[in-house]
Amino acid sequence: MQQLIQTLLDGAASGLIYGSLALALVLIHRATRIPNFAQGEMAMLATYVAWELMSIGLPWGVAVAATVVCCLVGGYGLQRGLIRWVERSPHLTQTMVTLGLLMVINAAVGLVWGNLSKTVESPLPSGPIRIAGVVTSWQVVGMFGAVALLLFLLFLLFNKSRLGLRLRAAAQNPDSARLAGIDVGRAYGIGWGLSAVIGGVVGVMIAPQTGLDPNFMFPVLLYAFAAATVGGFDSPVGAVVGGVLVGVIEAITATYVDFIGTELSLTVALVVIVVVLLVRPHGLFGKKEVARV
C-alpha cells in the first residue's frame, strides 16, 4: 500500500509538470487556435536566459523576473513578427511553422550555449520531506504552489478582466471582435506572450531537477500535449487535471507493468493521446465546437 501511495504521489508530481506546460499550450490555443509545437523549445530558451542571468551574479528572483519580462516581450514579438503571417492559413501550414520554429530554436540554443548539461539553482531546500513513510521534496511542494497560483491568475485574467474578455472574443470570433473595436492582432500577440511566460516559469521550475540542455523539454512537451488532449485544449483546469492523470498513468504503468518500465514510458503518452482522440476528441473538460456550414 505504501508503494502504491508513493507511486501515485510521484506520478502526480510529474503530472503537475506536464499540466503546467499544457497550460501554456491551452493559452495559445484559446487565443489563436494554433497548436504550438515550439512551446517546449520556447520554455527551454527562457530557461537558458534565466541560467545566463544567474551565472553573471543576479539573484534568483531578479533573474526569473527579468526572464518573465523577456518571455512576454519575446512571445509578443514572435507572434507579431512571424506567426501573424500564417494565422489565416490552413492548420497544417500553421503546424509546420511551429515545427520549424522548434528546430530553429533548438539549433540556435545548441550553437550559443552548447549541448552539455548545465546545473540550474533553485531557491527551495534540496532535502526530502517524509510524511508517514512517503517521501517527497520541496521542489514538488513548490510545483503545487506555482501551478495553483498560475491557475488562479489565469482565472482572474479570463473571467474578471477586460483583457481576458478581449482575448476570448478575439479567439472565438475574430471578425466580430474587430467590429467591436478589439485589436485582434494585439490580442493574439498578448496570448503568445503570456504562454511564453508560463512556459518560461515551467522551465525554471523543473530545470533544477532535470538539468539544462537543449533537449530537456522535449519529453515534457509530449506529455503536455497528452495532458491538453485529455483535459481539453480550451480548459486551463482540464490541462492540469489531464497532466496529473497522465503522470499517474505513466507512474503506475512504469512501476507495475514490467514490459513498459521507464524505457517505454513515452509510449504511454502516445497511447493516451490516441485513446482520448478516439473516445472523446474534445477532452474531459473541453466543449464541442459547432460550426455553421
C-alpha atoms as a PDB file:
ATOM      1  CA  MET A   1       0.000   0.000   0.000  1.00  0.00           C
ATOM      2  CA  GLN A   2       2.821   2.383   0.847  1.00  0.00           C
ATOM      3  CA  GLN A   3       4.459   1.680  -2.513  1.00  0.00           C
ATOM      4  CA  LEU A   4       1.177   2.469  -4.292  1.00  0.00           C
ATOM      5  CA  ILE A   5       0.806   5.781  -2.425  1.00  0.00           C
ATOM      6  CA  GLN A   6       4.411   6.661  -3.257  1.00  0.00           C
ATOM      7  CA  THR A   7       3.822   5.795  -6.908  1.00  0.00           C
ATOM      8  CA  LEU A   8       0.677   7.927  -7.045  1.00  0.00           C
ATOM      9  CA  LEU A   9       2.484  10.852  -5.394  1.00  0.00           C
ATOM     10  CA  ASP A  10       5.421  10.607  -7.802  1.00  0.00           C
ATOM     11  CA  GLY A  11       3.032  10.400 -10.731  1.00  0.00           C
ATOM     12  CA  ALA A  12       1.058  13.421  -9.542  1.00  0.00           C
ATOM     13  CA  ALA A  13       4.299  15.380  -9.121  1.00  0.00           C
ATOM     14  CA  SER A  14       5.343  14.566 -12.690  1.00  0.00           C
ATOM     15  CA  GLY A  15       1.814  15.300 -13.861  1.00  0.00           C
ATOM     16  CA  LEU A  16       1.963  18.800 -12.415  1.00  0.00           C
ATOM     17  CA  ILE A  17       4.970  19.471 -14.645  1.00  0.00           C
ATOM     18  CA  TYR A  18       3.116  18.196 -17.698  1.00  0.00           C
ATOM     19  CA  GLY A  19      -0.027  20.079 -16.739  1.00  0.00           C
ATOM     20  CA  SER A  20       1.788  23.367 -16.200  1.00  0.00           C
ATOM     21  CA  LEU A  21       3.290  23.269 -19.713  1.00  0.00           C
ATOM     22  CA  ALA A  22      -0.098  22.161 -21.032  1.00  0.00           C
ATOM     23  CA  LEU A  23      -1.420  25.410 -19.548  1.00  0.00           C
ATOM     24  CA  ALA A  24       0.796  27.302 -21.982  1.00  0.00           C
ATOM     25  CA  LEU A  25      -0.441  25.170 -24.887  1.00  0.00           C
ATOM     26  CA  VAL A  26      -4.049  25.798 -23.872  1.00  0.00           C
ATOM     27  CA  LEU A  27      -3.453  29.538 -23.542  1.00  0.00           C
ATOM     28  CA  ILE A  28      -2.095  29.826 -27.090  1.00  0.00           C
ATOM     29  CA  HIS A  29      -4.846  27.603 -28.453  1.00  0.00           C
ATOM     30  CA  ARG A  30      -7.538  29.648 -26.718  1.00  0.00           C
ATOM     31  CA  ALA A  31      -6.032  32.868 -28.026  1.00  0.00           C
ATOM     32  CA  THR A  32      -5.159  31.878 -31.604  1.00  0.00           C
ATOM     33  CA  ARG A  33      -6.400  28.297 -32.216  1.00  0.00           C
ATOM     34  CA  ILE A  34      -2.855  27.228 -33.102  1.00  0.00           C
ATOM     35  CA  PRO A  35      -1.220  24.061 -31.649  1.00  0.00           C
ATOM     36  CA  ASN A  36       2.216  25.388 -30.754  1.00  0.00           C
ATOM     37  CA  PHE A  37       4.747  22.578 -31.146  1.00  0.00           C
ATOM     38  CA  ALA A  38       7.536  25.050 -30.355  1.00  0.00           C
ATOM     39  CA  GLN A  39       6.215  25.665 -26.821  1.00  0.00           C
ATOM     40  CA  GLY A  40       8.776  23.368 -25.214  1.00  0.00           C
ATOM     41  CA  GLU A  41      11.684  24.970 -27.046  1.00  0.00           C
ATOM     42  CA  MET A  42      10.439  28.436 -26.115  1.00  0.00           C
ATOM     43  CA  ALA A  43      10.435  27.325 -22.478  1.00  0.00           C
ATOM     44  CA  MET A  44      13.911  25.849 -22.903  1.00  0.00           C
ATOM     45  CA  LEU A  45      15.221  29.105 -24.379  1.00  0.00           C
ATOM     46  CA  ALA A  46      13.699  31.079 -21.498  1.00  0.00           C
ATOM     47  CA  THR A  47      15.394  28.739 -19.018  1.00  0.00           C
ATOM     48  CA  TYR A  48      18.753  29.359 -20.687  1.00  0.00           C
ATOM     49  CA  VAL A  49      18.143  33.098 -20.382  1.00  0.00           C
ATOM     50  CA  ALA A  50      17.441  32.679 -16.656  1.00  0.00           C
ATOM     51  CA  TRP A  51      20.540  30.493 -16.239  1.00  0.00           C
ATOM     52  CA  GLU A  52      22.689  33.077 -18.046  1.00  0.00           C
ATOM     53  CA  LEU A  53      21.398  35.869 -15.811  1.00  0.00           C
ATOM     54  CA  MET A  54      22.072  33.787 -12.698  1.00  0.00           C
ATOM     55  CA  SER A  55      25.558  32.913 -13.927  1.00  0.00           C
ATOM     56  CA  ILE A  56      26.520  36.606 -14.133  1.00  0.00           C
ATOM     57  CA  GLY A  57      25.566  37.061 -10.495  1.00  0.00           C
ATOM     58  CA  LEU A  58      21.931  38.157 -10.445  1.00  0.00           C
ATOM     59  CA  PRO A  59      19.840  36.771  -7.560  1.00  0.00           C
ATOM     60  CA  TRP A  60      17.374  34.016  -8.432  1.00  0.00           C
ATOM     61  CA  GLY A  61      14.296  36.204  -8.041  1.00  0.00           C
ATOM     62  CA  VAL A  62      15.716  39.055 -10.127  1.00  0.00           C
ATOM     63  CA  ALA A  63      16.846  36.661 -12.863  1.00  0.00           C
ATOM     64  CA  VAL A  64      13.437  34.991 -13.031  1.00  0.00           C
ATOM     65  CA  ALA A  65      11.604  38.340 -13.068  1.00  0.00           C
ATOM     66  CA  ALA A  66      13.824  39.565 -15.914  1.00  0.00           C
ATOM     67  CA  THR A  67      13.209  36.286 -17.758  1.00  0.00           C
ATOM     68  CA  VAL A  68       9.446  36.728 -17.389  1.00  0.00           C
ATOM     69  CA  VAL A  69       9.699  40.166 -18.992  1.00  0.00           C
ATOM     70  CA  CYS A  70      11.844  38.751 -21.810  1.00  0.00           C
ATOM     71  CA  CYS A  71       9.288  35.959 -22.360  1.00  0.00           C
ATOM     72  CA  LEU A  72       6.394  38.408 -22.527  1.00  0.00           C
ATOM     73  CA  VAL A  73       8.171  40.672 -24.997  1.00  0.00           C
ATOM     74  CA  GLY A  74       9.645  37.786 -26.991  1.00  0.00           C
ATOM     75  CA  GLY A  75       6.359  35.892 -27.275  1.00  0.00           C
ATOM     76  CA  TYR A  76       4.523  39.030 -28.347  1.00  0.00           C
ATOM     77  CA  GLY A  77       7.234  39.880 -30.891  1.00  0.00           C
ATOM     78  CA  LEU A  78       7.284  36.322 -32.234  1.00  0.00           C
ATOM     79  CA  GLN A  79       3.567  36.388 -32.927  1.00  0.00           C
ATOM     80  CA  ARG A  80       3.604  39.844 -34.476  1.00  0.00           C
ATOM     81  CA  GLY A  81       6.765  39.225 -36.475  1.00  0.00           C
ATOM     82  CA  LEU A  82       6.182  35.663 -37.707  1.00  0.00           C
ATOM     83  CA  ILE A  83       3.004  33.885 -36.684  1.00  0.00           C
ATOM     84  CA  ARG A  84       0.601  36.597 -37.811  1.00  0.00           C
ATOM     85  CA  TRP A  85       1.624  35.988 -41.421  1.00  0.00           C
ATOM     86  CA  VAL A  86       0.158  32.485 -41.292  1.00  0.00           C
ATOM     87  CA  GLU A  87      -2.753  32.989 -38.875  1.00  0.00           C
ATOM     88  CA  ARG A  88      -5.243  32.857 -41.783  1.00  0.00           C
ATOM     89  CA  SER A  89      -3.520  29.856 -43.381  1.00  0.00           C
ATOM     90  CA  PRO A  90      -4.706  26.232 -43.087  1.00  0.00           C
ATOM     91  CA  HIS A  91      -3.971  24.465 -39.802  1.00  0.00           C
ATOM     92  CA  LEU A  92      -1.343  22.270 -41.474  1.00  0.00           C
ATOM     93  CA  THR A  93       0.619  25.351 -42.538  1.00  0.00           C
ATOM     94  CA  GLN A  94       0.466  26.800 -39.032  1.00  0.00           C
ATOM     95  CA  THR A  95       1.593  23.495 -37.546  1.00  0.00           C
ATOM     96  CA  MET A  96       4.556  23.280 -39.921  1.00  0.00           C
ATOM     97  CA  VAL A  97       5.616  26.818 -38.973  1.00  0.00           C
ATOM     98  CA  THR A  98       5.676  25.925 -35.270  1.00  0.00           C
ATOM     99  CA  LEU A  99       7.613  22.729 -36.028  1.00  0.00           C
ATOM    100  CA  GLY A 100      10.143  24.765 -37.997  1.00  0.00           C
ATOM    101  CA  LEU A 101      10.370  27.210 -35.110  1.00  0.00           C
ATOM    102  CA  LEU A 102      11.056  24.271 -32.791  1.00  0.00           C
ATOM    103  CA  MET A 103      14.048  23.179 -34.869  1.00  0.00           C
ATOM    104  CA  VAL A 104      15.400  26.715 -35.277  1.00  0.00           C
ATOM    105  CA  ILE A 105      15.303  27.463 -31.543  1.00  0.00           C
ATOM    106  CA  ASN A 106      16.844  24.103 -30.650  1.00  0.00           C
ATOM    107  CA  ALA A 107      19.701  24.554 -33.114  1.00  0.00           C
ATOM    108  CA  ALA A 108      20.300  28.182 -32.099  1.00  0.00           C
ATOM    109  CA  VAL A 109      20.493  27.323 -28.393  1.00  0.00           C
ATOM    110  CA  GLY A 110      22.925  24.477 -29.094  1.00  0.00           C
ATOM    111  CA  LEU A 111      25.059  26.850 -31.147  1.00  0.00           C
ATOM    112  CA  VAL A 112      25.139  29.583 -28.493  1.00  0.00           C
ATOM    113  CA  TRP A 113      25.299  27.587 -25.246  1.00  0.00           C
ATOM    114  CA  GLY A 114      26.453  24.156 -26.392  1.00  0.00           C
ATOM    115  CA  ASN A 115      24.835  20.769 -25.807  1.00  0.00           C
ATOM    116  CA  LEU A 116      26.369  19.875 -22.444  1.00  0.00           C
ATOM    117  CA  SER A 117      24.021  19.724 -19.473  1.00  0.00           C
ATOM    118  CA  LYS A 118      24.111  22.665 -17.071  1.00  0.00           C
ATOM    119  CA  THR A 119      23.017  22.995 -13.446  1.00  0.00           C
ATOM    120  CA  VAL A 120      20.270  25.467 -12.548  1.00  0.00           C
ATOM    121  CA  GLU A 121      19.961  26.599  -8.952  1.00  0.00           C
ATOM    122  CA  SER A 122      16.702  26.521  -7.018  1.00  0.00           C
ATOM    123  CA  PRO A 123      15.603  28.748  -4.117  1.00  0.00           C
ATOM    124  CA  LEU A 124      13.954  25.774  -2.392  1.00  0.00           C
ATOM    125  CA  PRO A 125      15.725  23.384   0.007  1.00  0.00           C
ATOM    126  CA  SER A 126      17.083  20.243  -1.600  1.00  0.00           C
ATOM    127  CA  GLY A 127      16.325  17.838   1.250  1.00  0.00           C
ATOM    128  CA  PRO A 128      13.454  15.319   1.186  1.00  0.00           C
ATOM    129  CA  ILE A 129      10.160  15.576   3.067  1.00  0.00           C
ATOM    130  CA  ARG A 130       8.961  12.399   4.801  1.00  0.00           C
ATOM    131  CA  ILE A 131       5.318  12.012   5.817  1.00  0.00           C
ATOM    132  CA  ALA A 132       4.078   8.654   7.121  1.00  0.00           C
ATOM    133  CA  GLY A 133       6.759   6.790   5.206  1.00  0.00           C
ATOM    134  CA  VAL A 134       6.063   8.613   1.923  1.00  0.00           C
ATOM    135  CA  VAL A 135       8.906  10.703   0.519  1.00  0.00           C
ATOM    136  CA  THR A 136       8.545  13.875  -1.478  1.00  0.00           C
ATOM    137  CA  SER A 137      10.602  17.036  -1.940  1.00  0.00           C
ATOM    138  CA  TRP A 138      10.358  20.775  -1.565  1.00  0.00           C
ATOM    139  CA  GLN A 139      10.507  21.007  -5.350  1.00  0.00           C
ATOM    140  CA  VAL A 140       7.195  19.140  -5.555  1.00  0.00           C
ATOM    141  CA  VAL A 141       5.654  21.388  -2.905  1.00  0.00           C
ATOM    142  CA  GLY A 142       6.855  24.419  -4.841  1.00  0.00           C
ATOM    143  CA  MET A 143       5.384  22.982  -8.041  1.00  0.00           C
ATOM    144  CA  PHE A 144       1.984  22.533  -6.362  1.00  0.00           C
ATOM    145  CA  GLY A 145       2.074  26.148  -5.199  1.00  0.00           C
ATOM    146  CA  ALA A 146       3.215  27.504  -8.565  1.00  0.00           C
ATOM    147  CA  VAL A 147       0.554  25.621 -10.537  1.00  0.00           C
ATOM    148  CA  ALA A 148      -2.176  26.725  -8.115  1.00  0.00           C
ATOM    149  CA  LEU A 149      -1.016  30.327  -8.486  1.00  0.00           C
ATOM    150  CA  LEU A 150      -0.941  30.081 -12.294  1.00  0.00           C
ATOM    151  CA  LEU A 151      -4.477  28.680 -12.361  1.00  0.00           C
ATOM    152  CA  PHE A 152      -5.727  31.433 -10.064  1.00  0.00           C
ATOM    153  CA  LEU A 153      -4.114  34.166 -12.156  1.00  0.00           C
ATOM    154  CA  LEU A 154      -5.492  32.687 -15.391  1.00  0.00           C
ATOM    155  CA  PHE A 155      -8.950  32.504 -13.819  1.00  0.00           C
ATOM    156  CA  LEU A 156      -8.730  36.178 -12.905  1.00  0.00           C
ATOM    157  CA  LEU A 157      -7.425  37.039 -16.362  1.00  0.00           C
ATOM    158  CA  PHE A 158     -10.096  35.275 -18.408  1.00  0.00           C
ATOM    159  CA  ASN A 159     -13.082  35.788 -16.114  1.00  0.00           C
ATOM    160  CA  LYS A 160     -12.505  39.009 -14.196  1.00  0.00           C
ATOM    161  CA  SER A 161     -10.634  41.330 -16.533  1.00  0.00           C
ATOM    162  CA  ARG A 162     -11.403  43.267 -19.696  1.00  0.00           C
ATOM    163  CA  LEU A 163      -8.169  41.980 -21.242  1.00  0.00           C
ATOM    164  CA  GLY A 164      -9.276  38.385 -20.754  1.00  0.00           C
ATOM    165  CA  LEU A 165     -12.654  39.167 -22.274  1.00  0.00           C
ATOM    166  CA  ARG A 166     -10.929  40.668 -25.316  1.00  0.00           C
ATOM    167  CA  LEU A 167      -8.637  37.658 -25.644  1.00  0.00           C
ATOM    168  CA  ARG A 168     -11.602  35.299 -25.550  1.00  0.00           C
ATOM    169  CA  ALA A 169     -13.566  37.376 -28.033  1.00  0.00           C
ATOM    170  CA  ALA A 170     -10.634  37.564 -30.440  1.00  0.00           C
ATOM    171  CA  ALA A 171     -10.164  33.798 -30.299  1.00  0.00           C
ATOM    172  CA  GLN A 172     -13.831  32.820 -30.641  1.00  0.00           C
ATOM    173  CA  ASN A 173     -14.891  35.244 -33.363  1.00  0.00           C
ATOM    174  CA  PRO A 174     -12.141  37.486 -34.767  1.00  0.00           C
ATOM    175  CA  ASP A 175     -14.393  39.259 -37.275  1.00  0.00           C
ATOM    176  CA  SER A 176     -17.000  40.223 -34.684  1.00  0.00           C
ATOM    177  CA  ALA A 177     -14.224  41.239 -32.289  1.00  0.00           C
ATOM    178  CA  ARG A 178     -12.800  43.604 -34.907  1.00  0.00           C
ATOM    179  CA  LEU A 179     -16.240  45.143 -35.421  1.00  0.00           C
ATOM    180  CA  ALA A 180     -16.420  45.705 -31.658  1.00  0.00           C
ATOM    181  CA  GLY A 181     -13.189  47.678 -31.769  1.00  0.00           C
ATOM    182  CA  ILE A 182     -10.851  44.983 -30.434  1.00  0.00           C
ATOM    183  CA  ASP A 183      -7.325  44.888 -31.855  1.00  0.00           C
ATOM    184  CA  VAL A 184      -7.292  41.171 -32.681  1.00  0.00           C
ATOM    185  CA  GLY A 185      -3.631  41.142 -33.714  1.00  0.00           C
ATOM    186  CA  ARG A 186      -2.571  42.668 -30.418  1.00  0.00           C
ATOM    187  CA  ALA A 187      -4.761  40.160 -28.542  1.00  0.00           C
ATOM    188  CA  TYR A 188      -3.054  37.290 -30.367  1.00  0.00           C
ATOM    189  CA  GLY A 189       0.357  38.740 -29.523  1.00  0.00           C
ATOM    190  CA  ILE A 190      -0.546  39.048 -25.837  1.00  0.00           C
ATOM    191  CA  GLY A 191      -1.751  35.456 -25.852  1.00  0.00           C
ATOM    192  CA  TRP A 192       1.584  34.278 -27.224  1.00  0.00           C
ATOM    193  CA  GLY A 193       3.450  36.458 -24.734  1.00  0.00           C
ATOM    194  CA  LEU A 194       1.519  35.061 -21.765  1.00  0.00           C
ATOM    195  CA  SER A 195       2.024  31.481 -22.929  1.00  0.00           C
ATOM    196  CA  ALA A 196       5.763  32.161 -23.267  1.00  0.00           C
ATOM    197  CA  VAL A 197       5.767  33.440 -19.678  1.00  0.00           C
ATOM    198  CA  ILE A 198       4.071  30.265 -18.416  1.00  0.00           C
ATOM    199  CA  GLY A 199       6.498  28.097 -20.386  1.00  0.00           C
ATOM    200  CA  GLY A 200       9.475  30.010 -19.017  1.00  0.00           C
ATOM    201  CA  VAL A 201       8.243  29.582 -15.448  1.00  0.00           C
ATOM    202  CA  VAL A 202       7.785  25.858 -16.049  1.00  0.00           C
ATOM    203  CA  GLY A 203      11.304  25.526 -17.443  1.00  0.00           C
ATOM    204  CA  VAL A 204      12.871  27.344 -14.493  1.00  0.00           C
ATOM    205  CA  MET A 205      10.896  25.177 -12.057  1.00  0.00           C
ATOM    206  CA  ILE A 206      11.893  21.794 -13.488  1.00  0.00           C
ATOM    207  CA  ALA A 207      15.458  22.515 -14.679  1.00  0.00           C
ATOM    208  CA  PRO A 208      16.956  22.127 -11.165  1.00  0.00           C
ATOM    209  CA  GLN A 209      15.665  18.537 -11.165  1.00  0.00           C
ATOM    210  CA  THR A 210      16.398  17.506 -14.742  1.00  0.00           C
ATOM    211  CA  GLY A 211      19.437  19.593 -15.650  1.00  0.00           C
ATOM    212  CA  LEU A 212      19.512  22.071 -18.516  1.00  0.00           C
ATOM    213  CA  ASP A 213      20.340  21.076 -22.089  1.00  0.00           C
ATOM    214  CA  PRO A 214      18.758  21.901 -25.475  1.00  0.00           C
ATOM    215  CA  ASN A 215      16.561  18.784 -25.435  1.00  0.00           C
ATOM    216  CA  PHE A 216      15.407  18.712 -21.816  1.00  0.00           C
ATOM    217  CA  MET A 217      11.882  19.965 -22.607  1.00  0.00           C
ATOM    218  CA  PHE A 218      11.073  17.586 -25.478  1.00  0.00           C
ATOM    219  CA  PRO A 219       9.687  14.704 -23.347  1.00  0.00           C
ATOM    220  CA  VAL A 220       7.786  17.222 -21.221  1.00  0.00           C
ATOM    221  CA  LEU A 221       6.217  18.710 -24.364  1.00  0.00           C
ATOM    222  CA  LEU A 222       4.994  15.296 -25.498  1.00  0.00           C
ATOM    223  CA  TYR A 223       3.377  14.634 -22.131  1.00  0.00           C
ATOM    224  CA  ALA A 224       1.986  18.189 -22.114  1.00  0.00           C
ATOM    225  CA  PHE A 225       0.212  17.545 -25.421  1.00  0.00           C
ATOM    226  CA  ALA A 226      -1.201  14.360 -23.917  1.00  0.00           C
ATOM    227  CA  ALA A 227      -2.357  16.351 -20.875  1.00  0.00           C
ATOM    228  CA  ALA A 228      -4.009  19.028 -23.013  1.00  0.00           C
ATOM    229  CA  THR A 229      -5.665  16.345 -25.141  1.00  0.00           C
ATOM    230  CA  VAL A 230      -7.054  14.584 -22.082  1.00  0.00           C
ATOM    231  CA  GLY A 231      -8.242  17.742 -20.358  1.00  0.00           C
ATOM    232  CA  GLY A 232      -9.319  19.680 -23.429  1.00  0.00           C
ATOM    233  CA  PHE A 233      -7.447  22.342 -25.366  1.00  0.00           C
ATOM    234  CA  ASP A 234      -9.831  25.075 -24.228  1.00  0.00           C
ATOM    235  CA  SER A 235      -9.727  24.359 -20.482  1.00  0.00           C
ATOM    236  CA  PRO A 236      -6.856  25.508 -18.212  1.00  0.00           C
ATOM    237  CA  VAL A 237      -8.187  23.389 -15.345  1.00  0.00           C
ATOM    238  CA  GLY A 238      -8.518  20.451 -17.698  1.00  0.00           C
ATOM    239  CA  ALA A 239      -4.884  20.853 -18.717  1.00  0.00           C
ATOM    240  CA  VAL A 240      -3.718  20.465 -15.115  1.00  0.00           C
ATOM    241  CA  VAL A 241      -6.122  17.610 -14.359  1.00  0.00           C
ATOM    242  CA  GLY A 242      -5.092  15.914 -17.592  1.00  0.00           C
ATOM    243  CA  GLY A 243      -1.438  16.348 -16.663  1.00  0.00           C
ATOM    244  CA  VAL A 244      -1.959  14.712 -13.279  1.00  0.00           C
ATOM    245  CA  LEU A 245      -3.875  11.843 -14.885  1.00  0.00           C
ATOM    246  CA  VAL A 246      -1.161  11.294 -17.485  1.00  0.00           C
ATOM    247  CA  GLY A 247       1.542  11.439 -14.801  1.00  0.00           C
ATOM    248  CA  VAL A 248      -0.270   8.927 -12.602  1.00  0.00           C
ATOM    249  CA  ILE A 249      -0.907   6.569 -15.530  1.00  0.00           C
ATOM    250  CA  GLU A 250       2.750   6.809 -16.533  1.00  0.00           C
ATOM    251  CA  ALA A 251       3.961   6.110 -12.988  1.00  0.00           C
ATOM    252  CA  ILE A 252       1.625   3.142 -12.474  1.00  0.00           C
ATOM    253  CA  THR A 253       2.492   1.520 -15.792  1.00  0.00           C
ATOM    254  CA  ALA A 254       6.222   2.074 -15.295  1.00  0.00           C
ATOM    255  CA  THR A 255       6.061   0.531 -11.813  1.00  0.00           C
ATOM    256  CA  TYR A 256       3.618  -2.326 -12.261  1.00  0.00           C
ATOM    257  CA  VAL A 257       3.815  -3.219 -15.970  1.00  0.00           C
ATOM    258  CA  ASP A 258       7.165  -4.933 -16.425  1.00  0.00           C
ATOM    259  CA  PHE A 259       7.495  -4.759 -20.215  1.00  0.00           C
ATOM    260  CA  ILE A 260       6.995  -0.966 -20.193  1.00  0.00           C
ATOM    261  CA  GLY A 261       9.248   0.169 -17.351  1.00  0.00           C
ATOM    262  CA  THR A 262      10.995   3.501 -17.800  1.00  0.00           C
ATOM    263  CA  GLU A 263      12.328   2.727 -21.292  1.00  0.00           C
ATOM    264  CA  LEU A 264       8.888   2.767 -22.953  1.00  0.00           C
ATOM    265  CA  SER A 265       7.235   5.350 -20.724  1.00  0.00           C
ATOM    266  CA  LEU A 266       6.951   7.858 -23.578  1.00  0.00           C
ATOM    267  CA  THR A 267       4.688   5.443 -25.429  1.00  0.00           C
ATOM    268  CA  VAL A 268       2.177   5.865 -22.612  1.00  0.00           C
ATOM    269  CA  ALA A 269       1.651   9.486 -23.644  1.00  0.00           C
ATOM    270  CA  LEU A 270       1.132   8.479 -27.272  1.00  0.00           C
ATOM    271  CA  VAL A 271      -1.374   5.779 -26.319  1.00  0.00           C
ATOM    272  CA  VAL A 272      -3.266   8.225 -24.102  1.00  0.00           C
ATOM    273  CA  ILE A 273      -3.480  10.766 -26.942  1.00  0.00           C
ATOM    274  CA  VAL A 274      -4.805   8.167 -29.407  1.00  0.00           C
ATOM    275  CA  VAL A 275      -7.368   6.736 -26.968  1.00  0.00           C
ATOM    276  CA  VAL A 276      -8.733  10.141 -25.948  1.00  0.00           C
ATOM    277  CA  LEU A 277      -8.954  11.315 -29.568  1.00  0.00           C
ATOM    278  CA  LEU A 278     -10.946   8.183 -30.415  1.00  0.00           C
ATOM    279  CA  VAL A 279     -13.273   8.251 -27.406  1.00  0.00           C
ATOM    280  CA  ARG A 280     -13.652  11.944 -26.532  1.00  0.00           C
ATOM    281  CA  PRO A 281     -11.851  14.183 -29.063  1.00  0.00           C
ATOM    282  CA  HIS A 282     -12.649  17.426 -27.208  1.00  0.00           C
ATOM    283  CA  GLY A 283     -11.214  16.128 -23.908  1.00  0.00           C
ATOM    284  CA  LEU A 284     -12.702  15.634 -20.450  1.00  0.00           C
ATOM    285  CA  PHE A 285     -13.303  19.349 -19.798  1.00  0.00           C
ATOM    286  CA  GLY A 286     -13.432  20.591 -23.380  1.00  0.00           C
ATOM    287  CA  LYS A 287     -16.510  21.701 -25.237  1.00  0.00           C
ATOM    288  CA  LYS A 288     -17.659  20.540 -28.636  1.00  0.00           C
ATOM    289  CA  GLU A 289     -17.287  23.155 -31.345  1.00  0.00           C
ATOM    290  CA  VAL A 290     -20.299  23.640 -33.570  1.00  0.00           C
ATOM    291  CA  ALA A 291     -19.733  25.269 -36.950  1.00  0.00           C
ATOM    292  CA  ARG A 292     -22.444  26.591 -39.236  1.00  0.00           C
ATOM    293  CA  VAL A 293     -21.996  25.475 -42.841  1.00  0.00           C
END
